[in-house]
N, C-alpha and C. Protein backbone atom coordinates (compact mmCIF):
# COMPACT_ATOMS: atom_id res chain seq x y z
N MET A 1 37.62 3.58 24.02
CA MET A 1 36.34 2.90 24.05
C MET A 1 35.76 2.86 22.64
N ALA A 2 35.44 1.72 22.19
CA ALA A 2 34.88 1.55 20.84
C ALA A 2 33.37 1.72 20.86
N LEU A 3 32.86 2.28 19.79
CA LEU A 3 31.42 2.42 19.68
C LEU A 3 30.79 1.10 19.28
N THR A 4 29.73 0.74 19.95
CA THR A 4 29.04 -0.51 19.66
C THR A 4 27.71 -0.21 18.98
N LEU A 5 27.04 -1.26 18.58
CA LEU A 5 25.73 -1.11 17.96
C LEU A 5 24.74 -0.44 18.90
N THR A 6 24.87 -0.72 20.17
CA THR A 6 23.97 -0.13 21.16
C THR A 6 24.08 1.38 21.18
N HIS A 7 25.28 1.91 21.06
CA HIS A 7 25.46 3.36 21.05
C HIS A 7 24.70 4.00 19.89
N TYR A 8 24.81 3.40 18.72
CA TYR A 8 24.11 3.94 17.56
C TYR A 8 22.60 3.82 17.69
N LEU A 9 22.14 2.72 18.27
CA LEU A 9 20.70 2.54 18.44
C LEU A 9 20.13 3.49 19.48
N VAL A 10 20.89 3.79 20.51
CA VAL A 10 20.44 4.76 21.51
C VAL A 10 20.37 6.15 20.89
N LEU A 11 21.38 6.51 20.10
CA LEU A 11 21.35 7.79 19.39
C LEU A 11 20.14 7.86 18.46
N SER A 12 19.89 6.79 17.74
CA SER A 12 18.75 6.74 16.83
C SER A 12 17.44 6.88 17.61
N PHE A 13 17.33 6.22 18.74
CA PHE A 13 16.12 6.29 19.55
C PHE A 13 15.90 7.70 20.09
N ILE A 14 16.95 8.35 20.53
CA ILE A 14 16.83 9.72 21.04
C ILE A 14 16.38 10.67 19.93
N LEU A 15 16.98 10.54 18.74
CA LEU A 15 16.55 11.36 17.61
C LEU A 15 15.09 11.09 17.25
N PHE A 16 14.70 9.82 17.31
CA PHE A 16 13.32 9.47 17.00
C PHE A 16 12.36 10.10 18.01
N LEU A 17 12.72 10.08 19.29
CA LEU A 17 11.88 10.69 20.32
C LEU A 17 11.76 12.20 20.14
N VAL A 18 12.88 12.86 19.85
CA VAL A 18 12.86 14.30 19.64
C VAL A 18 12.00 14.64 18.42
N GLY A 19 12.14 13.88 17.36
CA GLY A 19 11.34 14.10 16.16
C GLY A 19 9.86 13.88 16.41
N THR A 20 9.52 12.82 17.12
CA THR A 20 8.12 12.54 17.44
C THR A 20 7.53 13.64 18.31
N ALA A 21 8.29 14.09 19.29
CA ALA A 21 7.81 15.18 20.15
C ALA A 21 7.59 16.45 19.33
N GLY A 22 8.48 16.72 18.39
CA GLY A 22 8.33 17.90 17.54
C GLY A 22 7.09 17.82 16.67
N VAL A 23 6.80 16.64 16.13
CA VAL A 23 5.62 16.49 15.29
C VAL A 23 4.34 16.63 16.12
N LEU A 24 4.33 16.07 17.31
CA LEU A 24 3.12 16.07 18.11
C LEU A 24 2.87 17.37 18.88
N LEU A 25 3.93 18.07 19.23
CA LEU A 25 3.77 19.22 20.12
C LEU A 25 3.87 20.58 19.46
N ARG A 26 4.44 20.66 18.29
CA ARG A 26 4.66 21.96 17.66
C ARG A 26 3.52 22.32 16.74
N ARG A 27 3.35 23.62 16.51
CA ARG A 27 2.29 24.11 15.65
C ARG A 27 2.79 24.63 14.31
N ASN A 28 4.04 25.01 14.26
CA ASN A 28 4.62 25.57 13.05
C ASN A 28 4.93 24.46 12.05
N ILE A 29 4.48 24.61 10.81
CA ILE A 29 4.66 23.57 9.82
C ILE A 29 6.14 23.34 9.51
N ILE A 30 6.94 24.39 9.55
CA ILE A 30 8.38 24.25 9.29
C ILE A 30 9.03 23.36 10.35
N ILE A 31 8.66 23.57 11.61
CA ILE A 31 9.20 22.74 12.69
C ILE A 31 8.73 21.29 12.55
N VAL A 32 7.47 21.11 12.13
CA VAL A 32 6.95 19.76 11.92
C VAL A 32 7.72 19.05 10.82
N LEU A 33 8.01 19.75 9.71
CA LEU A 33 8.79 19.15 8.63
C LEU A 33 10.21 18.80 9.09
N MET A 34 10.82 19.68 9.88
CA MET A 34 12.15 19.40 10.40
C MET A 34 12.13 18.19 11.34
N SER A 35 11.06 18.07 12.12
CA SER A 35 10.93 16.93 13.03
C SER A 35 10.75 15.63 12.25
N LEU A 36 10.00 15.68 11.16
CA LEU A 36 9.87 14.50 10.31
C LEU A 36 11.22 14.09 9.73
N GLU A 37 12.03 15.06 9.35
CA GLU A 37 13.38 14.75 8.85
C GLU A 37 14.23 14.10 9.94
N LEU A 38 14.07 14.54 11.18
CA LEU A 38 14.79 13.89 12.29
C LEU A 38 14.38 12.43 12.42
N ILE A 39 13.09 12.16 12.27
CA ILE A 39 12.61 10.79 12.35
C ILE A 39 13.21 9.94 11.23
N PHE A 40 13.19 10.48 10.00
CA PHE A 40 13.78 9.75 8.87
C PHE A 40 15.26 9.49 9.09
N ASN A 41 15.97 10.48 9.60
CA ASN A 41 17.41 10.32 9.81
C ASN A 41 17.71 9.34 10.94
N SER A 42 16.83 9.26 11.94
CA SER A 42 17.05 8.27 13.00
C SER A 42 16.94 6.86 12.44
N VAL A 43 15.99 6.66 11.54
CA VAL A 43 15.86 5.35 10.89
C VAL A 43 17.09 5.07 10.03
N ASN A 44 17.59 6.08 9.33
CA ASN A 44 18.79 5.90 8.51
C ASN A 44 20.01 5.53 9.36
N ILE A 45 20.13 6.13 10.53
CA ILE A 45 21.24 5.78 11.43
C ILE A 45 21.15 4.32 11.84
N SER A 46 19.94 3.88 12.17
CA SER A 46 19.77 2.47 12.55
C SER A 46 20.13 1.54 11.40
N LEU A 47 19.65 1.86 10.20
CA LEU A 47 19.96 1.02 9.05
C LEU A 47 21.46 0.97 8.77
N ALA A 48 22.10 2.12 8.83
CA ALA A 48 23.54 2.16 8.56
C ALA A 48 24.32 1.40 9.64
N ALA A 49 23.88 1.53 10.90
CA ALA A 49 24.56 0.82 11.99
C ALA A 49 24.42 -0.69 11.83
N PHE A 50 23.21 -1.15 11.55
CA PHE A 50 23.03 -2.58 11.35
C PHE A 50 23.81 -3.07 10.13
N SER A 51 23.83 -2.26 9.09
CA SER A 51 24.57 -2.63 7.89
C SER A 51 26.05 -2.77 8.19
N TYR A 52 26.60 -1.85 8.96
CA TYR A 52 28.02 -1.90 9.30
C TYR A 52 28.34 -3.10 10.19
N PHE A 53 27.54 -3.29 11.22
CA PHE A 53 27.87 -4.35 12.18
C PHE A 53 27.56 -5.75 11.64
N LEU A 54 26.68 -5.86 10.66
CA LEU A 54 26.41 -7.16 10.03
C LEU A 54 27.27 -7.39 8.79
N GLN A 55 28.10 -6.40 8.44
CA GLN A 55 28.98 -6.48 7.27
C GLN A 55 28.19 -6.79 6.00
N ASN A 56 27.10 -6.01 5.81
CA ASN A 56 26.24 -6.19 4.65
C ASN A 56 25.97 -4.81 4.06
N LEU A 57 26.16 -4.66 2.76
CA LEU A 57 25.99 -3.36 2.12
C LEU A 57 24.54 -3.02 1.77
N ASN A 58 23.63 -3.97 1.91
CA ASN A 58 22.24 -3.70 1.54
C ASN A 58 21.65 -2.54 2.33
N GLY A 59 21.92 -2.48 3.61
CA GLY A 59 21.40 -1.39 4.44
C GLY A 59 21.97 -0.05 4.05
N THR A 60 23.25 -0.01 3.72
CA THR A 60 23.89 1.24 3.31
C THR A 60 23.32 1.74 1.99
N ILE A 61 23.10 0.84 1.07
CA ILE A 61 22.50 1.23 -0.21
C ILE A 61 21.09 1.76 0.01
N PHE A 62 20.34 1.12 0.89
CA PHE A 62 18.99 1.59 1.21
C PHE A 62 19.03 2.97 1.85
N VAL A 63 20.03 3.24 2.69
CA VAL A 63 20.17 4.55 3.32
C VAL A 63 20.41 5.63 2.27
N VAL A 64 21.24 5.34 1.28
CA VAL A 64 21.51 6.33 0.22
C VAL A 64 20.24 6.65 -0.54
N PHE A 65 19.46 5.63 -0.89
CA PHE A 65 18.19 5.86 -1.57
C PHE A 65 17.21 6.61 -0.67
N SER A 66 17.20 6.27 0.60
CA SER A 66 16.30 6.93 1.55
C SER A 66 16.62 8.41 1.71
N ILE A 67 17.91 8.74 1.76
CA ILE A 67 18.31 10.14 1.86
C ILE A 67 17.91 10.91 0.61
N THR A 68 18.03 10.27 -0.54
CA THR A 68 17.62 10.90 -1.79
C THR A 68 16.12 11.18 -1.80
N ILE A 69 15.35 10.21 -1.39
CA ILE A 69 13.90 10.38 -1.35
C ILE A 69 13.51 11.42 -0.31
N ALA A 70 14.20 11.46 0.83
CA ALA A 70 13.91 12.44 1.86
C ALA A 70 14.20 13.86 1.37
N ALA A 71 15.23 14.02 0.57
CA ALA A 71 15.54 15.35 0.02
C ALA A 71 14.43 15.79 -0.93
N ALA A 72 13.96 14.87 -1.76
CA ALA A 72 12.86 15.21 -2.66
C ALA A 72 11.59 15.51 -1.88
N GLU A 73 11.34 14.76 -0.84
CA GLU A 73 10.16 14.99 0.02
C GLU A 73 10.24 16.34 0.70
N ALA A 74 11.41 16.73 1.15
CA ALA A 74 11.57 18.03 1.79
C ALA A 74 11.33 19.17 0.80
N ALA A 75 11.82 19.00 -0.41
CA ALA A 75 11.61 20.03 -1.43
C ALA A 75 10.13 20.17 -1.77
N ILE A 76 9.42 19.06 -1.90
CA ILE A 76 7.99 19.12 -2.19
C ILE A 76 7.24 19.70 -1.01
N GLY A 77 7.61 19.30 0.20
CA GLY A 77 6.96 19.84 1.40
C GLY A 77 7.15 21.34 1.52
N LEU A 78 8.34 21.83 1.24
CA LEU A 78 8.58 23.27 1.31
C LEU A 78 7.84 24.02 0.21
N ALA A 79 7.72 23.40 -0.97
CA ALA A 79 6.95 24.04 -2.04
C ALA A 79 5.47 24.14 -1.65
N ILE A 80 4.93 23.11 -1.05
CA ILE A 80 3.55 23.16 -0.58
C ILE A 80 3.41 24.20 0.52
N LEU A 81 4.40 24.28 1.40
CA LEU A 81 4.37 25.27 2.47
C LEU A 81 4.35 26.69 1.92
N VAL A 82 5.16 26.96 0.90
CA VAL A 82 5.18 28.29 0.28
C VAL A 82 3.83 28.60 -0.34
N ALA A 83 3.23 27.62 -1.01
CA ALA A 83 1.91 27.82 -1.62
C ALA A 83 0.84 28.10 -0.56
N VAL A 84 0.89 27.37 0.53
CA VAL A 84 -0.09 27.58 1.61
C VAL A 84 0.12 28.95 2.24
N TYR A 85 1.39 29.32 2.45
CA TYR A 85 1.65 30.62 3.06
C TYR A 85 1.17 31.76 2.16
N ARG A 86 1.39 31.66 0.87
CA ARG A 86 0.93 32.72 -0.05
C ARG A 86 -0.58 32.85 -0.04
N ARG A 87 -1.27 31.74 0.14
CA ARG A 87 -2.72 31.78 0.10
C ARG A 87 -3.32 32.18 1.44
N ARG A 88 -2.79 31.66 2.53
CA ARG A 88 -3.39 31.86 3.86
C ARG A 88 -2.64 32.84 4.76
N ARG A 89 -1.41 33.18 4.43
CA ARG A 89 -0.56 34.08 5.23
C ARG A 89 -0.30 33.55 6.64
N THR A 90 -0.19 32.25 6.77
CA THR A 90 0.14 31.64 8.06
C THR A 90 0.85 30.32 7.82
N VAL A 91 1.67 29.92 8.80
CA VAL A 91 2.35 28.63 8.74
C VAL A 91 2.01 27.78 9.97
N TYR A 92 0.96 28.14 10.69
CA TYR A 92 0.57 27.41 11.88
C TYR A 92 -0.50 26.39 11.55
N VAL A 93 -0.32 25.18 12.04
CA VAL A 93 -1.19 24.07 11.72
C VAL A 93 -2.62 24.33 12.21
N ASP A 94 -2.77 24.94 13.38
CA ASP A 94 -4.10 25.17 13.95
C ASP A 94 -4.96 26.08 13.08
N GLU A 95 -4.35 26.95 12.33
CA GLU A 95 -5.10 27.88 11.51
C GLU A 95 -5.40 27.34 10.12
N LEU A 96 -4.90 26.16 9.81
CA LEU A 96 -5.12 25.55 8.50
C LEU A 96 -6.12 24.40 8.63
N ASP A 97 -7.34 24.73 9.01
CA ASP A 97 -8.33 23.69 9.29
C ASP A 97 -9.34 23.50 8.17
N GLU A 98 -9.19 24.22 7.09
CA GLU A 98 -10.16 24.15 6.00
C GLU A 98 -9.46 23.67 4.73
N MET A 99 -10.03 22.66 4.09
CA MET A 99 -9.43 22.13 2.88
C MET A 99 -10.27 22.54 1.67
N ARG A 100 -10.16 23.79 1.34
CA ARG A 100 -10.90 24.34 0.22
C ARG A 100 -9.90 24.82 -0.81
N GLY A 101 -10.21 24.64 -2.09
CA GLY A 101 -9.28 25.00 -3.15
C GLY A 101 -9.23 26.42 -3.53
């Protein structure tokens, strides 16, 4: 059985749902960041699948750039998380309700 575009889009949709549920339902900032990465990767799967099935490299090139930007975003997000943890001693979103310097 060959994989079709529908298979990849269903996989992408499931990853997107899991990521969205993680962002909306979890309190831990680390889990929220991981869920955001799932959402980004689901979009990358869709782009790569469309690129492959349309025989066009533009989507694949965009996926490579997107993965690079996502890695930089994750590094910055984790650096901010470390700074917040050092200052507040918590990684739970509910306890970070004050934006004071």
